[in-house]
N, C-alpha and C. Protein backbone atom coordinates (compact mmCIF):
# COMPACT_ATOMS: atom_id res chain seq x y z
N UNK A 1 114.56 -6.02 63.52
CA UNK A 1 113.03 -6.39 63.44
C UNK A 1 112.37 -5.52 63.47
N UNK A 2 111.16 -5.65 63.30
CA UNK A 2 109.98 -4.44 63.15
C UNK A 2 109.05 -4.80 64.23
N UNK A 3 108.77 -3.98 65.32
CA UNK A 3 108.17 -4.43 66.50
C UNK A 3 107.09 -3.66 66.70
N UNK A 4 105.55 -4.02 66.53
CA UNK A 4 104.37 -2.98 67.29
C UNK A 4 104.18 -3.23 68.79
N UNK A 5 104.19 -2.32 69.65
CA UNK A 5 104.24 -2.69 71.00
C UNK A 5 102.98 -2.33 71.50
N UNK A 6 102.01 -3.04 72.36
CA UNK A 6 101.18 -2.74 72.98
C UNK A 6 101.52 -1.61 74.17
N UNK A 7 100.64 -0.89 74.46
CA UNK A 7 100.88 0.14 75.52
C UNK A 7 101.06 -0.13 76.89
N UNK A 8 101.17 -1.71 77.13
CA UNK A 8 101.52 -2.34 78.18
C UNK A 8 103.11 -2.22 78.31
N UNK A 9 103.61 -2.23 77.35
CA UNK A 9 104.92 -2.73 77.22
C UNK A 9 105.65 -1.03 77.77
N UNK A 10 106.61 -1.64 78.89
CA UNK A 10 107.16 -0.11 79.57
C UNK A 10 108.16 0.54 78.51
N UNK A 11 108.04 2.12 78.51
CA UNK A 11 108.58 2.81 77.68
C UNK A 11 110.21 2.47 77.54
N UNK A 12 110.75 2.25 78.84
CA UNK A 12 112.13 1.95 78.80
C UNK A 12 112.62 0.67 78.29
N UNK A 13 111.48 -0.44 77.95
CA UNK A 13 111.83 -1.72 77.28
C UNK A 13 111.74 -1.09 75.81
N UNK A 14 111.06 -0.38 75.53
CA UNK A 14 110.97 0.07 73.90
C UNK A 14 111.98 0.74 73.60
N UNK A 15 112.59 2.00 73.99
CA UNK A 15 113.90 2.48 74.63
C UNK A 15 114.96 1.31 73.73
N UNK A 16 115.36 0.32 74.87
CA UNK A 16 116.38 -0.53 74.77
C UNK A 16 116.35 -1.15 73.50
N UNK A 17 114.99 -1.54 72.77
CA UNK A 17 114.90 -2.49 71.84
C UNK A 17 115.35 -1.42 70.65
N UNK A 18 114.78 -0.26 70.77
CA UNK A 18 115.38 0.64 69.56
C UNK A 18 116.74 0.85 69.61
N UNK A 19 117.38 0.93 70.61
CA UNK A 19 118.86 1.08 70.85
C UNK A 19 119.62 -0.31 70.52
N UNK A 20 118.93 -1.25 70.21
CA UNK A 20 119.23 -2.59 69.53
C UNK A 20 119.19 -2.54 68.10
N UNK A 21 118.68 -1.39 67.62
CA UNK A 21 118.48 -1.34 66.27
C UNK A 21 117.27 -1.85 65.68
N UNK A 22 116.29 -2.43 66.91
CA UNK A 22 115.10 -2.70 65.94
C UNK A 22 114.12 -1.58 65.82
N UNK A 23 113.31 -1.54 64.95
CA UNK A 23 112.42 -0.89 64.09
C UNK A 23 111.07 -0.88 65.41
N UNK A 24 110.87 -0.30 66.08
CA UNK A 24 109.44 -0.35 66.87
C UNK A 24 109.03 1.11 66.98
N UNK A 25 107.28 0.38 67.01
CA UNK A 25 106.47 1.56 66.80
C UNK A 25 105.24 1.11 67.97
N UNK A 26 105.39 2.19 68.91
CA UNK A 26 104.45 1.95 70.02
C UNK A 26 102.52 2.00 69.92
N UNK A 27 101.81 1.64 70.35
CA UNK A 27 100.67 2.27 70.69
C UNK A 27 100.53 3.89 71.09
N UNK A 28 101.20 4.06 71.67
CA UNK A 28 101.05 5.47 72.49
C UNK A 28 101.92 6.34 71.52
N UNK A 29 102.89 5.85 70.57
CA UNK A 29 103.65 6.74 69.64
C UNK A 29 102.12 6.74 68.80
N UNK A 30 101.49 6.18 68.32
CA UNK A 30 100.40 6.41 67.41
C UNK A 30 99.21 6.89 67.85
N UNK A 31 99.34 7.20 69.11
CA UNK A 31 97.96 8.19 70.00
C UNK A 31 96.74 7.28 69.95
N UNK A 32 96.70 5.84 70.03
CA UNK A 32 96.08 4.80 70.03
C UNK A 32 95.67 3.99 71.29
N UNK A 33 96.26 4.74 72.54
CA UNK A 33 96.11 4.07 73.66
C UNK A 33 94.62 3.83 74.20
N UNK A 34 94.30 2.25 74.59
CA UNK A 34 92.75 1.99 75.06
C UNK A 34 92.13 1.24 73.81
N UNK A 35 93.03 1.07 72.61
CA UNK A 35 92.10 0.04 71.67
C UNK A 35 92.41 -0.97 71.79
N UNK A 36 91.40 -2.11 71.53
CA UNK A 36 91.29 -3.42 71.58
C UNK A 36 92.42 -4.43 71.26
N UNK A 37 92.75 -5.67 71.67
CA UNK A 37 94.16 -6.48 71.48
C UNK A 37 93.63 -6.57 69.98
N UNK A 38 92.26 -6.74 69.40
CA UNK A 38 92.25 -7.14 68.01
C UNK A 38 92.50 -5.82 67.19
N UNK A 39 92.25 -4.60 67.77
CA UNK A 39 92.43 -3.69 66.87
C UNK A 39 94.08 -3.51 66.73
N UNK A 40 95.20 -3.67 67.99
CA UNK A 40 96.32 -3.80 67.92
C UNK A 40 96.98 -4.74 66.88
N UNK A 41 96.27 -5.78 66.92
CA UNK A 41 97.15 -6.86 65.88
C UNK A 41 96.53 -6.45 64.40
N UNK A 42 95.21 -5.74 64.22
CA UNK A 42 94.95 -5.08 62.93
C UNK A 42 96.15 -3.89 62.22
N UNK A 43 96.32 -3.33 63.51
CA UNK A 43 97.14 -2.19 62.82
C UNK A 43 98.87 -2.71 62.80
N UNK A 44 99.21 -3.83 63.50
CA UNK A 44 100.36 -4.08 63.31
C UNK A 44 100.59 -4.96 61.87
N UNK A 45 99.49 -5.61 61.25
CA UNK A 45 99.54 -6.48 60.18
C UNK A 45 99.54 -5.36 59.17
N UNK A 46 98.69 -4.31 59.26
CA UNK A 46 98.94 -2.90 58.28
C UNK A 46 100.23 -2.31 58.31
N UNK A 47 100.85 -2.42 59.18
CA UNK A 47 102.35 -1.73 59.64
C UNK A 47 103.11 -2.42 59.14
N UNK A 48 103.00 -3.96 58.90
CA UNK A 48 103.87 -5.04 58.63
C UNK A 48 104.79 -4.92 59.70
N UNK A 49 104.32 -4.99 61.01
CA UNK A 49 105.22 -5.12 61.97
C UNK A 49 104.72 -6.24 63.14
N UNK A 50 105.67 -7.23 63.81
CA UNK A 50 105.25 -8.41 64.56
C UNK A 50 104.66 -7.61 66.01
N UNK A 51 103.14 -7.74 66.43
CA UNK A 51 103.01 -7.68 67.51
C UNK A 51 103.66 -8.08 68.99
N UNK A 52 103.60 -7.14 69.90
CA UNK A 52 104.17 -7.87 71.17
C UNK A 52 103.30 -7.60 72.04
N UNK A 53 102.49 -8.61 72.66
CA UNK A 53 101.61 -8.30 73.41
C UNK A 53 102.17 -8.74 74.61
N UNK A 54 101.69 -7.73 75.91
CA UNK A 54 101.96 -7.74 77.17
C UNK A 54 100.77 -7.52 78.31
N UNK A 55 100.04 -8.47 78.71
CA UNK A 55 99.38 -8.37 79.63
C UNK A 55 99.56 -8.51 81.25
N UNK A 56 99.91 -7.35 81.58
CA UNK A 56 100.24 -7.46 83.25
C UNK A 56 99.22 -7.47 84.00
């Protein structure tokens, strides 16, 4: 599964998802911390990845 992770998703969870074989790209990986949820969605669409949004 392709996943684009919001910056609020903890790194150990991202690592775990990757260990299961998922293709995970995070906001932090892209150097885009602080962008809006709309921008996250737009980036996920461009990357053809499903967005995971966590608001804590």
